[in-house]
């Protein structure tokens, strides 16, 4: 079991502030996260959302692995988190979205693979969450995808399931596209599925 968090910051589109943020934010984040109990972290921009190029929308994605959920909850209530948010405020247009998941593993997520694909699966009916989890697990086992990460949210008002795949190259992702589309089509019968894709993820 692992605890994985997605952070979706609302960052400015101002080019001057963006450049300043890209220079300062990684070190500020590293200092704040390591003290709080984060084991590993990566940061990148979302390039595609459901196949649409969203590069111009400047959508950042930060992925964190926590030692446990208690460390996450303690951090977001702490003075250190408040201080970090003050430092980041000039570069943000609103509070970040923090989505915490309990997953099967996280071993493949921070191993130098810079291409990240994330499914966010929101059930049409709350009672469908178990069927979604079963479908995900069965499909991945059938495809032999032992490195693929999956799990369900623990801190959101309505449960969301995620599937996280990482790749070494765009070609490797393209080769797996058919099996991925099959899973999305199957899940779409039970849920609203959002597919996010990030290239050149950096590890911090």
C-alpha atoms as a PDB file:
ATOM      1  CA  UNK A   1       0.000   0.000   0.000  1.00  0.00           C
ATOM      2  CA  UNK A   2       1.137   3.540  -0.734  1.00  0.00           C
ATOM      3  CA  UNK A   3      -0.214   7.047  -0.166  1.00  0.00           C
ATOM      4  CA  UNK A   4      -0.078   9.199  -3.307  1.00  0.00           C
ATOM      5  CA  UNK A   5      -1.234  12.802  -3.602  1.00  0.00           C
ATOM      6  CA  UNK A   6      -2.049  14.825  -6.706  1.00  0.00           C
ATOM      7  CA  UNK A   7      -1.677  18.580  -6.302  1.00  0.00           C
ATOM      8  CA  UNK A   8      -3.372  20.725  -8.936  1.00  0.00           C
ATOM      9  CA  UNK A   9      -2.137  24.284  -8.301  1.00  0.00           C
ATOM     10  CA  UNK A  10      -3.948  27.279  -9.759  1.00  0.00           C
ATOM     11  CA  UNK A  11      -0.955  29.129 -11.124  1.00  0.00           C
ATOM     12  CA  UNK A  12      -0.653  32.473 -12.849  1.00  0.00           C
ATOM     13  CA  UNK A  13      -0.346  32.780 -16.627  1.00  0.00           C
ATOM     14  CA  UNK A  14       1.759  35.915 -16.332  1.00  0.00           C
ATOM     15  CA  UNK A  15       5.001  35.015 -18.193  1.00  0.00           C
ATOM     16  CA  UNK A  16       7.276  36.985 -15.849  1.00  0.00           C
ATOM     17  CA  UNK A  17       5.779  35.437 -12.719  1.00  0.00           C
ATOM     18  CA  UNK A  18       5.757  31.997 -14.361  1.00  0.00           C
ATOM     19  CA  UNK A  19       9.477  32.219 -15.038  1.00  0.00           C
ATOM     20  CA  UNK A  20      10.123  33.340 -11.457  1.00  0.00           C
ATOM     21  CA  UNK A  21       7.943  30.516 -10.120  1.00  0.00           C
ATOM     22  CA  UNK A  22       9.794  27.927 -12.213  1.00  0.00           C
ATOM     23  CA  UNK A  23      13.060  29.106 -10.663  1.00  0.00           C
ATOM     24  CA  UNK A  24      11.912  29.368  -7.042  1.00  0.00           C
ATOM     25  CA  UNK A  25       9.032  26.908  -6.549  1.00  0.00           C
ATOM     26  CA  UNK A  26      10.959  23.594  -6.771  1.00  0.00           C
ATOM     27  CA  UNK A  27      13.369  24.467  -3.944  1.00  0.00           C
ATOM     28  CA  UNK A  28      10.569  25.912  -1.792  1.00  0.00           C
ATOM     29  CA  UNK A  29       8.491  22.796  -2.383  1.00  0.00           C
ATOM     30  CA  UNK A  30      11.405  20.457  -1.636  1.00  0.00           C
ATOM     31  CA  UNK A  31      12.076  22.129   1.700  1.00  0.00           C
ATOM     32  CA  UNK A  32       8.420  22.113   2.739  1.00  0.00           C
ATOM     33  CA  UNK A  33       7.607  18.577   1.581  1.00  0.00           C
ATOM     34  CA  UNK A  34      10.653  16.764   2.954  1.00  0.00           C
ATOM     35  CA  UNK A  35      10.147  18.244   6.412  1.00  0.00           C
ATOM     36  CA  UNK A  36       6.488  17.203   6.295  1.00  0.00           C
ATOM     37  CA  UNK A  37       7.095  13.529   5.543  1.00  0.00           C
ATOM     38  CA  UNK A  38       7.015  13.307   1.750  1.00  0.00           C
ATOM     39  CA  UNK A  39       9.183  10.447   0.503  1.00  0.00           C
ATOM     40  CA  UNK A  40       9.370  11.352  -3.193  1.00  0.00           C
ATOM     41  CA  UNK A  41       7.925  14.017  -5.472  1.00  0.00           C
ATOM     42  CA  UNK A  42       7.622  15.023  -9.108  1.00  0.00           C
ATOM     43  CA  UNK A  43       6.377  18.108 -10.921  1.00  0.00           C
ATOM     44  CA  UNK A  44       5.243  18.799 -14.471  1.00  0.00           C
ATOM     45  CA  UNK A  45       2.679  20.459 -16.683  1.00  0.00           C
ATOM     46  CA  UNK A  46      -0.442  18.788 -18.067  1.00  0.00           C
ATOM     47  CA  UNK A  47      -0.097  18.705 -21.858  1.00  0.00           C
ATOM     48  CA  UNK A  48      -3.265  16.814 -22.803  1.00  0.00           C
ATOM     49  CA  UNK A  49      -6.679  16.465 -21.156  1.00  0.00           C
ATOM     50  CA  UNK A  50      -8.951  13.892 -22.787  1.00  0.00           C
ATOM     51  CA  UNK A  51      -6.795  14.157 -25.887  1.00  0.00           C
ATOM     52  CA  UNK A  52      -7.044  17.955 -26.126  1.00  0.00           C
ATOM     53  CA  UNK A  53      -3.912  20.091 -26.023  1.00  0.00           C
ATOM     54  CA  UNK A  54      -4.164  22.225 -22.861  1.00  0.00           C
ATOM     55  CA  UNK A  55      -0.579  23.499 -22.804  1.00  0.00           C
ATOM     56  CA  UNK A  56      -1.729  27.099 -23.171  1.00  0.00           C
ATOM     57  CA  UNK A  57      -3.933  26.748 -20.068  1.00  0.00           C
ATOM     58  CA  UNK A  58      -0.805  26.355 -17.864  1.00  0.00           C
ATOM     59  CA  UNK A  59      -2.056  23.445 -15.755  1.00  0.00           C
ATOM     60  CA  UNK A  60       0.555  22.246 -13.298  1.00  0.00           C
ATOM     61  CA  UNK A  61       0.628  18.796 -11.691  1.00  0.00           C
ATOM     62  CA  UNK A  62       2.616  17.838  -8.595  1.00  0.00           C
ATOM     63  CA  UNK A  63       2.692  14.182  -7.476  1.00  0.00           C
ATOM     64  CA  UNK A  64       3.784  13.295  -3.944  1.00  0.00           C
ATOM     65  CA  UNK A  65       4.310  10.019  -2.126  1.00  0.00           C
ATOM     66  CA  UNK A  66       3.702  10.270   1.618  1.00  0.00           C
ATOM     67  CA  UNK A  67       4.910   7.990   4.395  1.00  0.00           C
ATOM     68  CA  UNK A  68       1.307   7.775   5.577  1.00  0.00           C
ATOM     69  CA  UNK A  69      -1.969   9.678   5.373  1.00  0.00           C
ATOM     70  CA  UNK A  70      -1.517  11.065   8.890  1.00  0.00           C
ATOM     71  CA  UNK A  71       1.554  13.055   7.761  1.00  0.00           C
ATOM     72  CA  UNK A  72      -0.454  14.602   4.918  1.00  0.00           C
ATOM     73  CA  UNK A  73      -3.330  15.653   7.179  1.00  0.00           C
ATOM     74  CA  UNK A  74      -0.949  17.037   9.806  1.00  0.00           C
ATOM     75  CA  UNK A  75       0.927  19.056   7.190  1.00  0.00           C
ATOM     76  CA  UNK A  76      -2.110  20.768   5.624  1.00  0.00           C
ATOM     77  CA  UNK A  77      -3.162  21.916   9.109  1.00  0.00           C
ATOM     78  CA  UNK A  78       0.319  23.078  10.103  1.00  0.00           C
ATOM     79  CA  UNK A  79       1.998  26.478  10.327  1.00  0.00           C
ATOM     80  CA  UNK A  80       4.620  25.188   7.881  1.00  0.00           C
ATOM     81  CA  UNK A  81       1.969  24.643   5.213  1.00  0.00           C
ATOM     82  CA  UNK A  82       0.513  28.096   5.852  1.00  0.00           C
ATOM     83  CA  UNK A  83       3.993  29.626   5.558  1.00  0.00           C
ATOM     84  CA  UNK A  84       4.613  27.728   2.312  1.00  0.00           C
ATOM     85  CA  UNK A  85       1.334  28.995   0.856  1.00  0.00           C
ATOM     86  CA  UNK A  86       2.316  32.576   1.725  1.00  0.00           C
ATOM     87  CA  UNK A  87       5.583  32.156  -0.206  1.00  0.00           C
ATOM     88  CA  UNK A  88       3.707  30.701  -3.199  1.00  0.00           C
ATOM     89  CA  UNK A  89       0.832  33.218  -3.155  1.00  0.00           C
ATOM     90  CA  UNK A  90       2.360  35.638  -5.725  1.00  0.00           C
ATOM     91  CA  UNK A  91       2.345  32.827  -8.299  1.00  0.00           C
ATOM     92  CA  UNK A  92      -1.141  31.475  -7.627  1.00  0.00           C
ATOM     93  CA  UNK A  93      -4.645  32.600  -8.567  1.00  0.00           C
ATOM     94  CA  UNK A  94      -6.404  30.449  -5.955  1.00  0.00           C
ATOM     95  CA  UNK A  95      -5.916  27.563  -3.517  1.00  0.00           C
ATOM     96  CA  UNK A  96      -4.564  24.280  -4.903  1.00  0.00           C
ATOM     97  CA  UNK A  97      -6.675  21.138  -5.216  1.00  0.00           C
ATOM     98  CA  UNK A  98      -5.211  18.364  -3.024  1.00  0.00           C
ATOM     99  CA  UNK A  99      -6.335  14.818  -3.899  1.00  0.00           C
ATOM    100  CA  UNK A 100      -5.084  11.969  -1.712  1.00  0.00           C
ATOM    101  CA  UNK A 101      -5.209   8.315  -2.806  1.00  0.00           C
ATOM    102  CA  UNK A 102      -4.478   4.990  -1.161  1.00  0.00           C
ATOM    103  CA  UNK A 103      -2.881   2.915  -3.914  1.00  0.00           C
ATOM    104  CA  UNK A 104      -1.556  -0.587  -4.461  1.00  0.00           C
ATOM    105  CA  UNK A 105       2.036   0.577  -4.897  1.00  0.00           C
ATOM    106  CA  UNK A 106       4.073   3.552  -6.017  1.00  0.00           C
ATOM    107  CA  UNK A 107       7.242   1.734  -7.079  1.00  0.00           C
ATOM    108  CA  UNK A 108       7.070   2.688 -10.776  1.00  0.00           C
ATOM    109  CA  UNK A 109       6.126   6.319 -10.289  1.00  0.00           C
ATOM    110  CA  UNK A 110       9.464   7.852  -9.362  1.00  0.00           C
ATOM    111  CA  UNK A 111      11.934   5.725 -11.326  1.00  0.00           C
ATOM    112  CA  UNK A 112      12.989   8.240 -13.962  1.00  0.00           C
ATOM    113  CA  UNK A 113      10.049   7.755 -16.320  1.00  0.00           C
ATOM    114  CA  UNK A 114       9.179  11.275 -17.430  1.00  0.00           C
ATOM    115  CA  UNK A 115       5.900  10.627 -19.256  1.00  0.00           C
ATOM    116  CA  UNK A 116       2.900  10.355 -16.966  1.00  0.00           C
ATOM    117  CA  UNK A 117      -0.672   9.297 -17.758  1.00  0.00           C
ATOM    118  CA  UNK A 118      -3.418   9.608 -15.160  1.00  0.00           C
ATOM    119  CA  UNK A 119      -7.015   8.423 -15.239  1.00  0.00           C
ATOM    120  CA  UNK A 120      -9.429  10.104 -12.806  1.00  0.00           C
ATOM    121  CA  UNK A 121     -12.558   7.963 -12.617  1.00  0.00           C
ATOM    122  CA  UNK A 122     -15.621   9.549 -11.033  1.00  0.00           C
ATOM    123  CA  UNK A 123     -18.514   7.061 -10.640  1.00  0.00           C
ATOM    124  CA  UNK A 124     -21.944   7.961 -11.983  1.00  0.00           C
ATOM    125  CA  UNK A 125     -23.404   6.382  -8.858  1.00  0.00           C
ATOM    126  CA  UNK A 126     -21.688   6.178  -5.478  1.00  0.00           C
ATOM    127  CA  UNK A 127     -22.459   2.471  -5.227  1.00  0.00           C
ATOM    128  CA  UNK A 128     -20.509   1.805  -8.453  1.00  0.00           C
ATOM    129  CA  UNK A 129     -17.132   2.506  -6.836  1.00  0.00           C
ATOM    130  CA  UNK A 130     -16.557  -1.145  -5.903  1.00  0.00           C
ATOM    131  CA  UNK A 131     -17.374  -2.314  -9.435  1.00  0.00           C
ATOM    132  CA  UNK A 132     -14.951   0.280 -10.821  1.00  0.00           C
ATOM    133  CA  UNK A 133     -12.156  -0.871  -8.516  1.00  0.00           C
ATOM    134  CA  UNK A 134     -12.798  -4.495  -9.534  1.00  0.00           C
ATOM    135  CA  UNK A 135     -12.814  -3.605 -13.238  1.00  0.00           C
ATOM    136  CA  UNK A 136      -9.532  -1.710 -12.945  1.00  0.00           C
ATOM    137  CA  UNK A 137      -7.768  -4.482 -11.041  1.00  0.00           C
ATOM    138  CA  UNK A 138      -9.049  -7.239 -13.348  1.00  0.00           C
ATOM    139  CA  UNK A 139      -8.135  -5.343 -16.523  1.00  0.00           C
ATOM    140  CA  UNK A 140      -4.613  -4.544 -15.370  1.00  0.00           C
ATOM    141  CA  UNK A 141      -3.974  -8.102 -14.197  1.00  0.00           C
ATOM    142  CA  UNK A 142      -5.208  -9.476 -17.529  1.00  0.00           C
ATOM    143  CA  UNK A 143      -2.869  -7.106 -19.393  1.00  0.00           C
ATOM    144  CA  UNK A 144       0.040  -8.041 -17.123  1.00  0.00           C
ATOM    145  CA  UNK A 145       0.559  -4.432 -16.055  1.00  0.00           C
ATOM    146  CA  UNK A 146       2.188  -5.132 -12.718  1.00  0.00           C
ATOM    147  CA  UNK A 147       3.802  -1.675 -12.538  1.00  0.00           C
ATOM    148  CA  UNK A 148       0.577   0.262 -13.006  1.00  0.00           C
ATOM    149  CA  UNK A 149      -0.592   2.168  -9.938  1.00  0.00           C
ATOM    150  CA  UNK A 150      -4.247   2.316  -8.969  1.00  0.00           C
ATOM    151  CA  UNK A 151      -6.305   3.258  -5.933  1.00  0.00           C
ATOM    152  CA  UNK A 152      -9.191   5.287  -4.532  1.00  0.00           C
ATOM    153  CA  UNK A 153      -9.309   8.722  -2.933  1.00  0.00           C
ATOM    154  CA  UNK A 154      -9.472   9.129   0.826  1.00  0.00           C
ATOM    155  CA  UNK A 155     -10.040  12.872   1.323  1.00  0.00           C
ATOM    156  CA  UNK A 156     -12.576  13.900  -1.333  1.00  0.00           C
ATOM    157  CA  UNK A 157     -16.320  14.405  -0.729  1.00  0.00           C
ATOM    158  CA  UNK A 158     -17.084  11.822  -3.432  1.00  0.00           C
ATOM    159  CA  UNK A 159     -14.851   8.823  -4.095  1.00  0.00           C
ATOM    160  CA  UNK A 160     -12.580   8.965  -7.135  1.00  0.00           C
ATOM    161  CA  UNK A 161     -10.498   6.090  -8.460  1.00  0.00           C
ATOM    162  CA  UNK A 162      -7.207   6.701 -10.220  1.00  0.00           C
ATOM    163  CA  UNK A 163      -4.984   4.712 -12.551  1.00  0.00           C
ATOM    164  CA  UNK A 164      -1.429   6.000 -12.977  1.00  0.00           C
ATOM    165  CA  UNK A 165       0.934   4.863 -15.698  1.00  0.00           C
ATOM    166  CA  UNK A 166       4.458   6.127 -16.320  1.00  0.00           C
ATOM    167  CA  UNK A 167       6.509   5.727 -19.490  1.00  0.00           C
ATOM    168  CA  UNK A 168      10.094   6.262 -20.573  1.00  0.00           C
ATOM    169  CA  UNK A 169       9.095   7.806 -23.904  1.00  0.00           C
ATOM    170  CA  UNK A 170       6.150   8.960 -25.986  1.00  0.00           C
ATOM    171  CA  UNK A 171       6.685   5.912 -28.230  1.00  0.00           C
ATOM    172  CA  UNK A 172       6.308   3.566 -25.250  1.00  0.00           C
ATOM    173  CA  UNK A 173       3.033   5.265 -24.355  1.00  0.00           C
ATOM    174  CA  UNK A 174       1.800   5.022 -27.936  1.00  0.00           C
ATOM    175  CA  UNK A 175       2.524   1.283 -27.970  1.00  0.00           C
ATOM    176  CA  UNK A 176       0.247   0.797 -24.950  1.00  0.00           C
ATOM    177  CA  UNK A 177      -2.524   3.031 -26.295  1.00  0.00           C
ATOM    178  CA  UNK A 178      -4.872   0.266 -27.465  1.00  0.00           C
ATOM    179  CA  UNK A 179      -5.091  -1.528 -24.118  1.00  0.00           C
ATOM    180  CA  UNK A 180      -5.540   1.811 -22.348  1.00  0.00           C
ATOM    181  CA  UNK A 181      -8.410   2.812 -24.621  1.00  0.00           C
ATOM    182  CA  UNK A 182     -10.096  -0.516 -23.907  1.00  0.00           C
ATOM    183  CA  UNK A 183     -10.004   0.157 -20.163  1.00  0.00           C
ATOM    184  CA  UNK A 184     -11.335   3.708 -20.617  1.00  0.00           C
ATOM    185  CA  UNK A 185     -14.216   2.448 -22.767  1.00  0.00           C
ATOM    186  CA  UNK A 186     -15.131  -0.162 -20.172  1.00  0.00           C
ATOM    187  CA  UNK A 187     -14.988   2.319 -17.289  1.00  0.00           C
ATOM    188  CA  UNK A 188     -17.034   4.905 -19.205  1.00  0.00           C
ATOM    189  CA  UNK A 189     -20.085   2.678 -18.734  1.00  0.00           C
ATOM    190  CA  UNK A 190     -19.899   3.313 -14.987  1.00  0.00           C
ATOM    191  CA  UNK A 191     -18.180   6.663 -14.605  1.00  0.00           C
ATOM    192  CA  UNK A 192     -16.998   9.967 -15.952  1.00  0.00           C
ATOM    193  CA  UNK A 193     -13.366   9.415 -16.944  1.00  0.00           C
ATOM    194  CA  UNK A 194     -10.770  12.169 -17.279  1.00  0.00           C
ATOM    195  CA  UNK A 195      -7.458  11.319 -18.945  1.00  0.00           C
ATOM    196  CA  UNK A 196      -4.483  13.569 -18.145  1.00  0.00           C
ATOM    197  CA  UNK A 197      -1.097  13.358 -19.845  1.00  0.00           C
ATOM    198  CA  UNK A 198       2.112  15.075 -18.754  1.00  0.00           C
ATOM    199  CA  UNK A 199       5.442  15.066 -20.582  1.00  0.00           C
ATOM    200  CA  UNK A 200       8.902  15.783 -19.207  1.00  0.00           C
ATOM    201  CA  UNK A 201       7.961  15.380 -15.555  1.00  0.00           C
ATOM    202  CA  UNK A 202      10.764  16.525 -13.274  1.00  0.00           C
ATOM    203  CA  UNK A 203      11.643  14.831 -10.000  1.00  0.00           C
ATOM    204  CA  UNK A 204      12.100  17.147  -7.029  1.00  0.00           C
END
